[in-house]
Amino acid sequence: MIVVKLGGSVASNVRRILSVLSSTGRDILIVPGGWIFADQIRRLNVKDEQAHWMAILAMEQFGYYISSFGVETIKPKDFEDIEFEGIKVLLPYELILRNDELPHSWDVTSDSIAIWIASKLGIDNVVKLTNVDGIILNDRVVERIRASQLIGIQTCLDKYAPKLMVECGMDTFICNGLFANRVKDYITKGRAKGTLVEGR
């Protein structure tokens, strides 16, 4: 099983991404980002407590959009309910509501949620698809970096993710989903253009 965080920044390439993921023949759980729906919540200036749950519902909206390309959704109430074959899109609201462990803050977005879910499933690696080539430091893409080095630094990961990766012993590979074959290379060959953030 592979956990793929599919960000809204690559929504224009969802069909191609799904085709490439399917071609790997692997069991894949897609954790959707919040896309334009979360952007609207940010503009409302809602308090963190309410914004947290609204943003998770935004992930569900993007999840339904992804499912419109022919991928089945799953809406588990607990982690032991996550059993599947092939590619599925997670609708996370009920799961997180029943397992309310993450801080209620904009520091925690779908990045942290994907990492947290993977750790609960015993998976030690998350693939994050976004619209940049990886972690960019000093105007260049870093191929490999420790998660601990990113704590407190603004990157394409949310603020809480590096800390959570260290706590969970989780790696995250970040690659540009606008070039979908890169994620296939990483899944099938273990290497591709992007950044491996190491929490283990």
N, C-alpha and C. Protein backbone atom coordinates (compact mmCIF):
# COMPACT_ATOMS: atom_id res chain seq x y z
N MET A 1 0.84 -1.19 0.00
CA MET A 1 0.00 0.00 0.00
C MET A 1 0.87 1.24 0.00
N ILE A 2 0.51 2.20 -0.83
CA ILE A 2 1.23 3.47 -0.93
C ILE A 2 0.25 4.60 -0.65
N VAL A 3 0.67 5.57 0.15
CA VAL A 3 -0.15 6.75 0.40
C VAL A 3 0.37 7.89 -0.46
N VAL A 4 -0.52 8.44 -1.29
CA VAL A 4 -0.18 9.55 -2.17
C VAL A 4 -1.03 10.75 -1.78
N LYS A 5 -0.37 11.83 -1.38
CA LYS A 5 -1.07 13.09 -1.13
C LYS A 5 -1.13 13.84 -2.47
N LEU A 6 -2.36 14.03 -2.97
CA LEU A 6 -2.55 14.67 -4.26
C LEU A 6 -3.05 16.09 -4.01
N GLY A 7 -2.17 17.05 -4.22
CA GLY A 7 -2.50 18.44 -3.92
C GLY A 7 -3.35 19.10 -4.99
N GLY A 8 -4.12 20.08 -4.56
CA GLY A 8 -4.97 20.80 -5.49
C GLY A 8 -4.21 21.57 -6.55
N SER A 9 -2.93 21.85 -6.29
CA SER A 9 -2.12 22.59 -7.28
C SER A 9 -1.90 21.79 -8.56
N VAL A 10 -2.17 20.48 -8.53
CA VAL A 10 -2.02 19.66 -9.74
C VAL A 10 -3.38 19.12 -10.18
N ALA A 11 -4.45 19.79 -9.78
CA ALA A 11 -5.80 19.35 -10.14
C ALA A 11 -6.00 19.27 -11.66
N SER A 12 -5.31 20.14 -12.39
CA SER A 12 -5.46 20.14 -13.85
C SER A 12 -4.91 18.87 -14.49
N ASN A 13 -4.12 18.10 -13.74
CA ASN A 13 -3.47 16.91 -14.29
C ASN A 13 -3.98 15.62 -13.64
N VAL A 14 -5.14 15.69 -12.99
CA VAL A 14 -5.64 14.53 -12.24
C VAL A 14 -5.82 13.31 -13.13
N ARG A 15 -6.40 13.49 -14.30
CA ARG A 15 -6.65 12.33 -15.17
C ARG A 15 -5.35 11.60 -15.51
N ARG A 16 -4.34 12.35 -15.86
CA ARG A 16 -3.05 11.76 -16.21
C ARG A 16 -2.40 11.10 -14.99
N ILE A 17 -2.47 11.76 -13.85
CA ILE A 17 -1.91 11.19 -12.63
C ILE A 17 -2.56 9.86 -12.30
N LEU A 18 -3.86 9.80 -12.37
CA LEU A 18 -4.57 8.55 -12.07
C LEU A 18 -4.19 7.44 -13.04
N SER A 19 -4.03 7.80 -14.32
CA SER A 19 -3.63 6.81 -15.32
C SER A 19 -2.25 6.24 -14.99
N VAL A 20 -1.33 7.12 -14.60
CA VAL A 20 0.03 6.69 -14.27
C VAL A 20 0.03 5.85 -12.99
N LEU A 21 -0.72 6.27 -11.98
CA LEU A 21 -0.80 5.49 -10.75
C LEU A 21 -1.36 4.10 -11.02
N SER A 22 -2.37 4.03 -11.86
CA SER A 22 -2.98 2.74 -12.20
C SER A 22 -1.98 1.84 -12.91
N SER A 23 -1.12 2.42 -13.74
CA SER A 23 -0.16 1.63 -14.51
C SER A 23 0.91 0.99 -13.64
N THR A 24 1.06 1.46 -12.39
CA THR A 24 2.07 0.86 -11.51
C THR A 24 1.61 -0.50 -10.98
N GLY A 25 0.30 -0.76 -11.01
CA GLY A 25 -0.22 -2.02 -10.49
C GLY A 25 -0.18 -2.11 -8.97
N ARG A 26 0.05 -1.01 -8.29
CA ARG A 26 0.16 -1.00 -6.83
C ARG A 26 -1.16 -0.59 -6.17
N ASP A 27 -1.33 -0.98 -4.92
CA ASP A 27 -2.47 -0.53 -4.13
C ASP A 27 -2.12 0.85 -3.58
N ILE A 28 -2.96 1.83 -3.91
CA ILE A 28 -2.64 3.22 -3.59
C ILE A 28 -3.83 3.90 -2.92
N LEU A 29 -3.55 4.54 -1.80
CA LEU A 29 -4.55 5.35 -1.11
C LEU A 29 -4.24 6.82 -1.37
N ILE A 30 -5.15 7.50 -2.04
CA ILE A 30 -4.97 8.92 -2.33
C ILE A 30 -5.59 9.75 -1.21
N VAL A 31 -4.78 10.63 -0.64
CA VAL A 31 -5.28 11.61 0.34
C VAL A 31 -5.36 12.94 -0.40
N PRO A 32 -6.55 13.47 -0.60
CA PRO A 32 -6.69 14.71 -1.38
C PRO A 32 -6.32 15.94 -0.57
N GLY A 33 -5.84 16.95 -1.26
CA GLY A 33 -5.64 18.25 -0.64
C GLY A 33 -6.97 18.99 -0.54
N GLY A 34 -6.91 20.24 -0.13
CA GLY A 34 -8.14 21.02 0.02
C GLY A 34 -8.49 21.85 -1.20
N TRP A 35 -7.52 22.05 -2.09
CA TRP A 35 -7.69 22.75 -3.36
C TRP A 35 -8.37 24.10 -3.17
N ILE A 36 -9.18 24.50 -4.13
CA ILE A 36 -9.84 25.82 -4.11
C ILE A 36 -10.82 25.95 -2.96
N PHE A 37 -11.30 24.81 -2.46
CA PHE A 37 -12.28 24.83 -1.38
C PHE A 37 -11.63 25.30 -0.08
N ALA A 38 -10.42 24.84 0.19
CA ALA A 38 -9.69 25.31 1.37
C ALA A 38 -9.26 26.77 1.21
N ASP A 39 -8.95 27.17 -0.02
CA ASP A 39 -8.56 28.56 -0.26
C ASP A 39 -9.69 29.51 0.14
N GLN A 40 -10.92 29.10 -0.14
CA GLN A 40 -12.07 29.92 0.22
C GLN A 40 -12.19 30.05 1.74
N ILE A 41 -11.91 28.99 2.47
CA ILE A 41 -11.99 29.02 3.93
C ILE A 41 -10.95 29.99 4.50
N ARG A 42 -9.74 29.97 3.92
CA ARG A 42 -8.70 30.89 4.38
C ARG A 42 -9.14 32.34 4.24
N ARG A 43 -9.88 32.65 3.19
CA ARG A 43 -10.32 34.02 2.95
C ARG A 43 -11.40 34.46 3.95
N LEU A 44 -12.08 33.52 4.57
CA LEU A 44 -13.16 33.84 5.50
C LEU A 44 -12.66 34.28 6.87
N ASN A 45 -11.39 34.04 7.15
CA ASN A 45 -10.81 34.42 8.44
C ASN A 45 -11.57 33.79 9.62
N VAL A 46 -11.89 32.50 9.46
CA VAL A 46 -12.59 31.76 10.50
C VAL A 46 -11.59 31.34 11.58
N LYS A 47 -12.06 31.23 12.82
CA LYS A 47 -11.19 30.77 13.90
C LYS A 47 -10.67 29.37 13.61
N ASP A 48 -9.48 29.06 14.19
CA ASP A 48 -8.80 27.80 13.88
C ASP A 48 -9.66 26.57 14.11
N GLU A 49 -10.41 26.54 15.19
CA GLU A 49 -11.22 25.36 15.52
C GLU A 49 -12.21 25.03 14.41
N GLN A 50 -12.96 26.04 13.97
CA GLN A 50 -13.94 25.82 12.91
C GLN A 50 -13.25 25.61 11.55
N ALA A 51 -12.18 26.36 11.31
CA ALA A 51 -11.48 26.25 10.03
C ALA A 51 -10.89 24.86 9.85
N HIS A 52 -10.44 24.24 10.94
CA HIS A 52 -9.87 22.89 10.87
C HIS A 52 -10.86 21.91 10.25
N TRP A 53 -12.08 21.90 10.77
CA TRP A 53 -13.07 20.94 10.28
C TRP A 53 -13.59 21.33 8.90
N MET A 54 -13.71 22.62 8.66
CA MET A 54 -14.12 23.07 7.32
C MET A 54 -13.09 22.65 6.27
N ALA A 55 -11.81 22.76 6.62
CA ALA A 55 -10.75 22.39 5.68
C ALA A 55 -10.72 20.90 5.41
N ILE A 56 -11.03 20.10 6.41
CA ILE A 56 -11.10 18.64 6.19
C ILE A 56 -12.27 18.31 5.27
N LEU A 57 -13.38 19.03 5.44
CA LEU A 57 -14.50 18.84 4.51
C LEU A 57 -14.12 19.31 3.10
N ALA A 58 -13.24 20.31 3.02
CA ALA A 58 -12.74 20.74 1.71
C ALA A 58 -11.96 19.62 1.04
N MET A 59 -11.19 18.86 1.83
CA MET A 59 -10.48 17.70 1.28
C MET A 59 -11.47 16.70 0.70
N GLU A 60 -12.60 16.53 1.36
CA GLU A 60 -13.61 15.60 0.84
C GLU A 60 -14.17 16.09 -0.50
N GLN A 61 -14.35 17.39 -0.63
CA GLN A 61 -14.87 17.93 -1.90
C GLN A 61 -13.89 17.64 -3.04
N PHE A 62 -12.59 17.87 -2.78
CA PHE A 62 -11.61 17.56 -3.82
C PHE A 62 -11.56 16.05 -4.06
N GLY A 63 -11.76 15.27 -2.99
CA GLY A 63 -11.80 13.82 -3.15
C GLY A 63 -12.90 13.38 -4.08
N TYR A 64 -14.06 14.00 -3.95
CA TYR A 64 -15.17 13.67 -4.86
C TYR A 64 -14.83 14.09 -6.29
N TYR A 65 -14.14 15.22 -6.43
CA TYR A 65 -13.72 15.63 -7.78
C TYR A 65 -12.79 14.59 -8.39
N ILE A 66 -11.80 14.13 -7.61
CA ILE A 66 -10.89 13.10 -8.10
C ILE A 66 -11.67 11.84 -8.49
N SER A 67 -12.67 11.49 -7.69
CA SER A 67 -13.45 10.27 -7.97
C SER A 67 -14.26 10.39 -9.25
N SER A 68 -14.50 11.63 -9.71
CA SER A 68 -15.27 11.81 -10.95
C SER A 68 -14.52 11.28 -12.17
N PHE A 69 -13.23 10.97 -11.99
CA PHE A 69 -12.44 10.39 -13.07
C PHE A 69 -12.42 8.87 -13.00
N GLY A 70 -13.32 8.30 -12.19
CA GLY A 70 -13.50 6.86 -12.19
C GLY A 70 -12.83 6.10 -11.06
N VAL A 71 -12.36 6.83 -10.03
CA VAL A 71 -11.72 6.18 -8.89
C VAL A 71 -12.71 6.10 -7.74
N GLU A 72 -12.73 4.98 -7.06
CA GLU A 72 -13.67 4.77 -5.96
C GLU A 72 -13.22 5.53 -4.72
N THR A 73 -14.20 6.07 -3.98
CA THR A 73 -13.91 6.71 -2.71
C THR A 73 -14.12 5.73 -1.56
N ILE A 74 -13.41 5.96 -0.45
CA ILE A 74 -13.68 5.21 0.77
C ILE A 74 -13.85 6.23 1.90
N LYS A 75 -14.74 5.90 2.83
CA LYS A 75 -15.06 6.82 3.93
C LYS A 75 -15.04 6.04 5.24
N PRO A 76 -13.85 5.62 5.68
CA PRO A 76 -13.74 4.78 6.88
C PRO A 76 -14.00 5.56 8.16
N LYS A 77 -14.50 4.84 9.16
CA LYS A 77 -14.69 5.44 10.47
C LYS A 77 -13.48 5.21 11.36
N ASP A 78 -12.75 4.14 11.11
CA ASP A 78 -11.54 3.83 11.86
C ASP A 78 -10.50 3.25 10.91
N PHE A 79 -9.26 3.22 11.36
CA PHE A 79 -8.16 2.79 10.50
C PHE A 79 -8.28 1.32 10.08
N GLU A 80 -8.82 0.49 10.96
CA GLU A 80 -8.98 -0.93 10.60
C GLU A 80 -10.00 -1.14 9.50
N ASP A 81 -10.79 -0.11 9.20
CA ASP A 81 -11.76 -0.21 8.11
C ASP A 81 -11.11 0.02 6.74
N ILE A 82 -9.86 0.46 6.73
CA ILE A 82 -9.19 0.76 5.45
C ILE A 82 -8.59 -0.52 4.89
N GLU A 83 -9.37 -1.20 4.09
CA GLU A 83 -8.92 -2.39 3.38
C GLU A 83 -9.34 -2.23 1.93
N PHE A 84 -8.39 -2.34 1.03
CA PHE A 84 -8.75 -2.10 -0.37
C PHE A 84 -7.72 -2.71 -1.30
N GLU A 85 -8.11 -2.80 -2.53
CA GLU A 85 -7.20 -3.18 -3.60
C GLU A 85 -7.32 -2.15 -4.71
N GLY A 86 -6.23 -1.88 -5.38
CA GLY A 86 -6.25 -0.90 -6.45
C GLY A 86 -6.06 0.51 -5.92
N ILE A 87 -6.70 1.48 -6.56
CA ILE A 87 -6.57 2.88 -6.19
C ILE A 87 -7.88 3.37 -5.58
N LYS A 88 -7.78 3.98 -4.40
CA LYS A 88 -8.94 4.53 -3.73
C LYS A 88 -8.63 5.95 -3.26
N VAL A 89 -9.68 6.77 -3.18
CA VAL A 89 -9.55 8.13 -2.67
C VAL A 89 -10.18 8.18 -1.29
N LEU A 90 -9.43 8.66 -0.33
CA LEU A 90 -9.90 8.74 1.05
C LEU A 90 -10.73 10.01 1.26
N LEU A 91 -11.90 9.85 1.83
CA LEU A 91 -12.71 10.97 2.32
C LEU A 91 -12.53 10.96 3.85
N PRO A 92 -11.75 11.90 4.40
CA PRO A 92 -11.19 11.71 5.74
C PRO A 92 -12.00 12.26 6.92
N TYR A 93 -13.12 12.92 6.68
CA TYR A 93 -13.77 13.65 7.77
C TYR A 93 -14.14 12.76 8.95
N GLU A 94 -14.87 11.69 8.70
CA GLU A 94 -15.32 10.83 9.80
C GLU A 94 -14.14 10.18 10.52
N LEU A 95 -13.13 9.77 9.75
CA LEU A 95 -11.95 9.14 10.33
C LEU A 95 -11.26 10.09 11.31
N ILE A 96 -11.09 11.34 10.90
CA ILE A 96 -10.39 12.31 11.74
C ILE A 96 -11.27 12.74 12.91
N LEU A 97 -12.56 12.85 12.68
CA LEU A 97 -13.48 13.23 13.75
C LEU A 97 -13.45 12.21 14.89
N ARG A 98 -13.35 10.92 14.54
CA ARG A 98 -13.32 9.86 15.54
C ARG A 98 -11.92 9.66 16.14
N ASN A 99 -10.91 10.16 15.46
CA ASN A 99 -9.52 10.00 15.92
C ASN A 99 -8.86 11.39 15.92
N ASP A 100 -9.35 12.24 16.78
CA ASP A 100 -9.00 13.66 16.77
C ASP A 100 -7.69 13.89 17.52
N GLU A 101 -6.57 13.67 16.83
CA GLU A 101 -5.25 13.71 17.46
C GLU A 101 -4.38 14.87 17.00
N LEU A 102 -4.69 15.47 15.89
CA LEU A 102 -3.84 16.51 15.33
C LEU A 102 -4.26 17.90 15.82
N PRO A 103 -3.31 18.82 15.91
CA PRO A 103 -3.67 20.19 16.31
C PRO A 103 -4.66 20.82 15.35
N HIS A 104 -5.51 21.67 15.88
CA HIS A 104 -6.49 22.38 15.06
C HIS A 104 -5.91 23.74 14.68
N SER A 105 -5.19 23.76 13.59
CA SER A 105 -4.45 24.96 13.19
C SER A 105 -4.16 24.88 11.70
N TRP A 106 -3.95 26.04 11.07
CA TRP A 106 -3.56 26.04 9.66
C TRP A 106 -2.13 25.51 9.47
N ASP A 107 -1.40 25.32 10.57
CA ASP A 107 -0.10 24.66 10.46
C ASP A 107 -0.26 23.21 10.04
N VAL A 108 -1.44 22.65 10.28
CA VAL A 108 -1.75 21.26 9.93
C VAL A 108 -2.69 21.28 8.73
N THR A 109 -2.19 20.83 7.59
CA THR A 109 -3.02 20.73 6.39
C THR A 109 -3.03 19.26 5.94
N SER A 110 -3.45 19.05 4.72
CA SER A 110 -3.53 17.68 4.19
C SER A 110 -2.17 17.00 4.12
N ASP A 111 -1.07 17.76 4.10
CA ASP A 111 0.27 17.15 4.16
C ASP A 111 0.42 16.35 5.45
N SER A 112 0.19 17.03 6.57
CA SER A 112 0.31 16.38 7.87
C SER A 112 -0.71 15.26 8.01
N ILE A 113 -1.90 15.48 7.50
CA ILE A 113 -2.94 14.45 7.60
C ILE A 113 -2.53 13.19 6.84
N ALA A 114 -1.94 13.34 5.66
CA ALA A 114 -1.48 12.18 4.89
C ALA A 114 -0.38 11.43 5.64
N ILE A 115 0.55 12.17 6.23
CA ILE A 115 1.64 11.56 6.99
C ILE A 115 1.09 10.82 8.21
N TRP A 116 0.18 11.45 8.91
CA TRP A 116 -0.44 10.86 10.10
C TRP A 116 -1.19 9.58 9.75
N ILE A 117 -1.96 9.62 8.67
CA ILE A 117 -2.73 8.44 8.25
C ILE A 117 -1.78 7.30 7.87
N ALA A 118 -0.73 7.62 7.12
CA ALA A 118 0.24 6.59 6.73
C ALA A 118 0.87 5.94 7.96
N SER A 119 1.20 6.76 8.95
CA SER A 119 1.83 6.21 10.17
C SER A 119 0.86 5.28 10.89
N LYS A 120 -0.41 5.63 10.92
CA LYS A 120 -1.41 4.79 11.58
C LYS A 120 -1.60 3.46 10.84
N LEU A 121 -1.33 3.47 9.54
CA LEU A 121 -1.47 2.26 8.74
C LEU A 121 -0.18 1.44 8.69
N GLY A 122 0.86 1.92 9.37
CA GLY A 122 2.13 1.20 9.38
C GLY A 122 2.95 1.40 8.12
N ILE A 123 2.67 2.46 7.41
CA ILE A 123 3.40 2.78 6.17
C ILE A 123 4.43 3.86 6.50
N ASP A 124 5.65 3.71 6.02
CA ASP A 124 6.71 4.64 6.44
C ASP A 124 7.12 5.61 5.34
N ASN A 125 6.28 5.75 4.31
CA ASN A 125 6.64 6.64 3.21
C ASN A 125 5.38 7.22 2.58
N VAL A 126 5.38 8.52 2.34
CA VAL A 126 4.28 9.21 1.67
C VAL A 126 4.84 9.87 0.42
N VAL A 127 4.06 9.86 -0.65
CA VAL A 127 4.42 10.58 -1.86
C VAL A 127 3.52 11.81 -1.95
N LYS A 128 4.11 12.99 -2.01
CA LYS A 128 3.36 14.23 -2.13
C LYS A 128 3.48 14.78 -3.55
N LEU A 129 2.34 14.92 -4.23
CA LEU A 129 2.32 15.48 -5.57
C LEU A 129 1.87 16.93 -5.50
N THR A 130 2.74 17.80 -5.99
CA THR A 130 2.46 19.23 -5.95
C THR A 130 2.93 19.85 -7.27
N ASN A 131 2.94 21.18 -7.35
CA ASN A 131 3.29 21.82 -8.62
C ASN A 131 4.71 22.37 -8.64
N VAL A 132 5.54 21.93 -7.69
CA VAL A 132 6.97 22.30 -7.70
C VAL A 132 7.79 21.01 -7.72
N ASP A 133 9.07 21.13 -8.05
CA ASP A 133 9.91 19.95 -8.24
C ASP A 133 10.40 19.32 -6.93
N GLY A 134 10.18 19.99 -5.82
CA GLY A 134 10.63 19.46 -4.53
C GLY A 134 10.91 20.59 -3.57
N ILE A 135 11.70 20.32 -2.55
CA ILE A 135 12.11 21.35 -1.59
C ILE A 135 13.18 22.22 -2.25
N ILE A 136 12.94 23.52 -2.26
CA ILE A 136 13.87 24.45 -2.89
C ILE A 136 14.55 25.27 -1.80
N LEU A 137 15.87 25.13 -1.71
CA LEU A 137 16.67 25.91 -0.77
C LEU A 137 17.81 26.56 -1.55
N ASN A 138 18.05 27.83 -1.30
CA ASN A 138 19.11 28.57 -2.01
C ASN A 138 18.94 28.45 -3.51
N ASP A 139 17.67 28.55 -3.94
CA ASP A 139 17.31 28.58 -5.37
C ASP A 139 17.60 27.28 -6.12
N ARG A 140 17.69 26.18 -5.41
CA ARG A 140 17.86 24.91 -6.10
C ARG A 140 17.08 23.81 -5.39
N VAL A 141 16.70 22.80 -6.17
CA VAL A 141 15.97 21.66 -5.61
C VAL A 141 16.93 20.75 -4.87
N VAL A 142 16.59 20.44 -3.63
CA VAL A 142 17.41 19.55 -2.81
C VAL A 142 16.93 18.12 -3.03
N GLU A 143 17.85 17.22 -3.36
CA GLU A 143 17.46 15.84 -3.64
C GLU A 143 17.10 15.06 -2.38
N ARG A 144 17.76 15.36 -1.28
CA ARG A 144 17.55 14.62 -0.04
C ARG A 144 17.85 15.54 1.15
N ILE A 145 16.99 15.48 2.18
CA ILE A 145 17.20 16.32 3.35
C ILE A 145 16.49 15.68 4.54
N ARG A 146 17.02 15.92 5.73
CA ARG A 146 16.39 15.42 6.95
C ARG A 146 15.18 16.29 7.30
N ALA A 147 14.11 15.66 7.74
CA ALA A 147 12.92 16.40 8.14
C ALA A 147 13.23 17.37 9.27
N SER A 148 14.12 16.97 10.15
CA SER A 148 14.48 17.83 11.29
C SER A 148 15.08 19.15 10.85
N GLN A 149 15.70 19.17 9.66
CA GLN A 149 16.30 20.40 9.14
C GLN A 149 15.26 21.38 8.62
N LEU A 150 14.03 20.90 8.43
CA LEU A 150 12.98 21.74 7.86
C LEU A 150 12.02 22.29 8.90
N ILE A 151 12.21 21.90 10.15
CA ILE A 151 11.32 22.40 11.20
C ILE A 151 11.51 23.91 11.34
N GLY A 152 10.42 24.63 11.22
CA GLY A 152 10.45 26.08 11.32
C GLY A 152 10.81 26.81 10.04
N ILE A 153 11.01 26.06 8.95
CA ILE A 153 11.36 26.66 7.66
C ILE A 153 10.15 26.59 6.73
N GLN A 154 9.88 27.67 6.01
CA GLN A 154 8.77 27.70 5.07
C GLN A 154 9.15 26.94 3.80
N THR A 155 8.42 25.88 3.49
CA THR A 155 8.66 25.10 2.27
C THR A 155 7.30 24.73 1.68
N CYS A 156 7.31 23.82 0.71
CA CYS A 156 6.04 23.36 0.12
C CYS A 156 5.32 22.36 1.02
N LEU A 157 5.94 21.95 2.12
CA LEU A 157 5.26 21.17 3.15
C LEU A 157 4.62 22.11 4.16
N ASP A 158 3.52 21.66 4.80
CA ASP A 158 2.96 22.51 5.83
C ASP A 158 3.90 22.57 7.04
N LYS A 159 3.66 23.50 7.93
CA LYS A 159 4.60 23.78 9.03
C LYS A 159 4.73 22.62 10.01
N TYR A 160 3.65 21.87 10.19
CA TYR A 160 3.66 20.79 11.19
C TYR A 160 4.27 19.51 10.64
N ALA A 161 4.28 19.34 9.34
CA ALA A 161 4.69 18.08 8.72
C ALA A 161 6.10 17.62 9.10
N PRO A 162 7.13 18.47 9.04
CA PRO A 162 8.47 17.98 9.39
C PRO A 162 8.56 17.44 10.81
N LYS A 163 7.94 18.13 11.75
CA LYS A 163 7.93 17.66 13.14
C LYS A 163 7.23 16.32 13.24
N LEU A 164 6.11 16.18 12.57
CA LEU A 164 5.34 14.93 12.60
C LEU A 164 6.12 13.79 11.97
N MET A 165 6.85 14.08 10.89
CA MET A 165 7.67 13.07 10.23
C MET A 165 8.74 12.53 11.17
N VAL A 166 9.35 13.42 11.94
CA VAL A 166 10.37 13.00 12.90
C VAL A 166 9.73 12.14 13.98
N GLU A 167 8.60 12.57 14.49
CA GLU A 167 7.92 11.83 15.56
C GLU A 167 7.48 10.44 15.09
N CYS A 168 7.04 10.35 13.84
CA CYS A 168 6.49 9.09 13.31
C CYS A 168 7.54 8.24 12.60
N GLY A 169 8.75 8.77 12.38
CA GLY A 169 9.74 8.05 11.61
C GLY A 169 9.31 7.85 10.17
N MET A 170 8.83 8.93 9.57
CA MET A 170 8.19 8.87 8.25
C MET A 170 9.01 9.63 7.22
N ASP A 171 9.17 9.04 6.04
CA ASP A 171 9.77 9.74 4.90
C ASP A 171 8.67 10.27 4.00
N THR A 172 8.95 11.37 3.32
CA THR A 172 8.02 11.91 2.33
C THR A 172 8.80 12.27 1.07
N PHE A 173 8.34 11.73 -0.06
CA PHE A 173 8.96 12.08 -1.33
C PHE A 173 8.08 13.11 -2.01
N ILE A 174 8.67 14.24 -2.36
CA ILE A 174 7.93 15.34 -2.98
C ILE A 174 8.32 15.43 -4.45
N CYS A 175 7.31 15.37 -5.32
CA CYS A 175 7.62 15.53 -6.74
C CYS A 175 6.52 16.31 -7.45
N ASN A 176 6.83 16.75 -8.65
CA ASN A 176 5.95 17.60 -9.43
C ASN A 176 4.92 16.75 -10.16
N GLY A 177 3.66 16.84 -9.70
CA GLY A 177 2.60 16.05 -10.30
C GLY A 177 2.18 16.50 -11.68
N LEU A 178 2.69 17.64 -12.12
CA LEU A 178 2.42 18.06 -13.50
C LEU A 178 3.25 17.24 -14.48
N PHE A 179 4.23 16.49 -13.94
CA PHE A 179 5.02 15.54 -14.73
C PHE A 179 4.78 14.16 -14.10
N ALA A 180 3.65 13.57 -14.44
CA ALA A 180 3.15 12.40 -13.70
C ALA A 180 4.07 11.19 -13.75
N ASN A 181 4.88 11.07 -14.79
CA ASN A 181 5.77 9.90 -14.87
C ASN A 181 6.81 9.88 -13.76
N ARG A 182 7.05 11.03 -13.13
CA ARG A 182 8.03 11.07 -12.04
C ARG A 182 7.55 10.24 -10.86
N VAL A 183 6.26 10.32 -10.56
CA VAL A 183 5.76 9.52 -9.44
C VAL A 183 5.79 8.04 -9.79
N LYS A 184 5.58 7.70 -11.06
CA LYS A 184 5.69 6.30 -11.47
C LYS A 184 7.13 5.82 -11.29
N ASP A 185 8.09 6.64 -11.69
CA ASP A 185 9.50 6.27 -11.52
C ASP A 185 9.82 6.03 -10.06
N TYR A 186 9.30 6.89 -9.19
CA TYR A 186 9.60 6.72 -7.77
C TYR A 186 8.97 5.44 -7.21
N ILE A 187 7.73 5.18 -7.58
CA ILE A 187 7.03 4.00 -7.07
C ILE A 187 7.63 2.72 -7.60
N THR A 188 7.99 2.70 -8.87
CA THR A 188 8.47 1.46 -9.49
C THR A 188 9.98 1.29 -9.42
N LYS A 189 10.73 2.38 -9.39
CA LYS A 189 12.18 2.29 -9.42
C LYS A 189 12.86 2.79 -8.14
N GLY A 190 12.08 3.48 -7.29
CA GLY A 190 12.65 3.99 -6.04
C GLY A 190 13.43 5.27 -6.19
N ARG A 191 13.38 5.87 -7.36
CA ARG A 191 14.08 7.15 -7.54
C ARG A 191 13.42 7.93 -8.67
N ALA A 192 13.47 9.25 -8.54
CA ALA A 192 12.88 10.13 -9.55
C ALA A 192 13.32 11.56 -9.21
N LYS A 193 13.04 12.49 -10.11
CA LYS A 193 13.34 13.89 -9.84
C LYS A 193 12.40 14.37 -8.75
N GLY A 194 12.96 14.92 -7.70
CA GLY A 194 12.16 15.40 -6.57
C GLY A 194 13.03 15.45 -5.33
N THR A 195 12.38 15.56 -4.18
CA THR A 195 13.09 15.64 -2.90
C THR A 195 12.60 14.55 -1.96
N LEU A 196 13.53 13.78 -1.43
CA LEU A 196 13.20 12.82 -0.38
C LEU A 196 13.48 13.49 0.97
N VAL A 197 12.42 13.70 1.74
CA VAL A 197 12.55 14.27 3.08
C VAL A 197 12.53 13.09 4.06
N GLU A 198 13.61 12.93 4.79
CA GLU A 198 13.79 11.73 5.62
C GLU A 198 13.44 12.02 7.08
N GLY A 199 12.47 11.27 7.59
CA GLY A 199 12.12 11.36 8.99
C GLY A 199 12.61 10.18 9.79
N ARG A 200 13.08 9.15 9.08
CA ARG A 200 13.55 7.90 9.76
C ARG A 200 15.03 8.01 10.11
